[in-house]
Structure formats: structure tokens, C-alpha cells
């Protein structure tokens, strides 16, 4: 029996898992844009092309939670920011091991 590309082979990933995976794929010292995470998550869920916009607020919340756990760093203008107090444009990356 062949597998159909529309039927899921595995349970869908959680939003935090998608964010961490994308950051890991970006590589050490690299960051991703939150919109990339929202687009990837919406695509994984099979949603239409513009549905990612609805996930941006949840990406931010998940990023804040992940940063508080130490699994992610939120950057603004290339510098790490306090996950409890930041505004504006931001990027996401894995903690740097030095």
C-alpha cells in the first residue's frame, strides 16, 4: 500500500518544536525570523498560504516560554534581550555554547 502525501505519517509537531528545529537547522550563531516559524507551522498543518499570520502571536508566546526555559534566545538588533521585556522586530536563535 502506498502512502498518501495528504495523510500524516506522524503526529504533527508542536509549535515550540517547530521553532527549535528551525533554529537548529539555521546553524550555530544564526537566527530565524518569527515569520519563518509561523509559515513552517501553518504549512505543516496543511493550512492555506496566508494562514501563517494567525500564528505570529503564538510564535512570540512560545519563543518567550522557550527563552525562559533557556532553550532559545530572543535577539533584537543582534543582541540578546530579556524575554519578559522586549518590543518590536526580533529574531530567534539557539543559545550559544562558548
Protein backbone atom coordinates (compact mmCIF):
# COMPACT_ATOMS: atom_id res chain seq x y z
CA UNK A 1 0.00 0.00 0.00
CA UNK A 2 1.47 3.39 -0.97
CA UNK A 3 1.36 6.27 1.43
CA UNK A 4 -0.73 9.27 0.51
CA UNK A 5 1.07 12.62 0.90
CA UNK A 6 -2.06 14.19 2.39
CA UNK A 7 -2.35 11.73 5.25
CA UNK A 8 0.01 12.40 8.15
CA UNK A 9 2.68 9.75 8.72
CA UNK A 10 3.33 11.03 12.23
CA UNK A 11 1.55 13.35 14.64
CA UNK A 12 2.17 16.98 13.82
CA UNK A 13 4.86 18.80 15.71
CA UNK A 14 4.12 21.33 18.38
CA UNK A 15 4.81 24.98 17.65
CA UNK A 16 7.74 25.11 20.13
CA UNK A 17 9.25 22.03 18.46
CA UNK A 18 8.99 23.67 15.03
CA UNK A 19 10.70 26.82 16.35
CA UNK A 20 13.57 24.91 17.97
CA UNK A 21 14.02 22.71 14.89
CA UNK A 22 14.20 25.72 12.55
CA UNK A 23 16.74 27.41 14.83
CA UNK A 24 18.84 24.23 14.92
CA UNK A 25 18.67 23.93 11.13
CA UNK A 26 19.83 27.55 10.78
CA UNK A 27 23.06 26.56 12.47
CA UNK A 28 25.25 27.84 15.29
CA UNK A 29 25.20 31.60 15.70
CA UNK A 30 22.40 32.02 13.14
CA UNK A 31 18.88 33.25 13.77
CA UNK A 32 15.47 32.87 12.17
CA UNK A 33 12.64 35.30 11.66
CA UNK A 34 9.44 34.56 13.62
CA UNK A 35 7.51 34.64 10.35
CA UNK A 36 9.58 31.66 9.16
CA UNK A 37 8.37 29.67 12.16
CA UNK A 38 4.75 30.75 11.64
CA UNK A 39 4.90 29.82 7.95
CA UNK A 40 6.51 26.43 8.63
CA UNK A 41 3.95 25.58 11.31
CA UNK A 42 0.98 26.63 9.16
CA UNK A 43 2.39 24.65 6.23
CA UNK A 44 2.88 21.56 8.41
CA UNK A 45 -0.75 21.82 9.49
CA UNK A 46 -1.84 22.00 5.84
CA UNK A 47 -3.27 25.48 6.18
CA UNK A 48 -3.60 27.88 3.27
CA UNK A 49 -0.79 30.16 2.16
CA UNK A 50 -1.75 33.18 4.29
CA UNK A 51 -2.80 31.33 7.46
CA UNK A 52 0.68 31.79 8.97
CA UNK A 53 -0.22 35.33 10.03
CA UNK A 54 -2.64 33.94 12.60
CA UNK A 55 0.26 32.08 14.27
CA UNK A 56 2.57 35.07 14.83
CA UNK A 57 1.24 35.88 18.31
CA UNK A 58 1.58 32.23 19.35
CA UNK A 59 5.11 32.10 17.92
CA UNK A 60 6.02 35.05 20.12
CA UNK A 61 4.45 33.44 23.21
CA UNK A 62 6.19 30.14 22.51
CA UNK A 63 9.50 31.94 21.95
CA UNK A 64 9.17 33.74 25.28
CA UNK A 65 8.43 30.45 27.05
CA UNK A 66 11.37 28.74 25.34
CA UNK A 67 13.68 31.64 26.23
CA UNK A 68 12.60 31.50 29.87
CA UNK A 69 13.46 27.77 29.85
CA UNK A 70 16.89 28.56 28.37
CA UNK A 71 16.20 26.62 25.15
CA UNK A 72 16.11 29.69 22.90
CA UNK A 73 17.44 33.24 22.76
CA UNK A 74 15.43 36.21 21.54
CA UNK A 75 17.52 38.81 19.71
CA UNK A 76 16.80 42.41 18.88
CA UNK A 77 19.29 44.32 16.75
CA UNK A 78 21.67 41.37 17.06
CA UNK A 79 21.75 41.40 20.86
CA UNK A 80 20.01 39.05 23.31
CA UNK A 81 17.02 40.64 25.04
CA UNK A 82 15.07 39.92 28.20
CA UNK A 83 12.20 37.63 27.12
CA UNK A 84 9.96 39.35 29.65
CA UNK A 85 10.55 42.83 28.27
CA UNK A 86 11.17 43.40 24.56
CA UNK A 87 9.39 45.17 21.75
CA UNK A 88 9.48 45.44 18.02
CA UNK A 89 11.27 43.34 15.46
CA UNK A 90 13.07 40.30 16.87
CA UNK A 91 14.80 37.14 15.75
CA UNK A 92 15.18 33.71 17.33
CA UNK A 93 18.22 31.52 17.81
CA UNK A 94 19.61 28.74 19.92
CA UNK A 95 21.77 29.60 22.93
CA UNK A 96 25.42 29.90 22.01
CA UNK A 97 27.74 27.43 23.66
CA UNK A 98 31.06 29.12 24.40
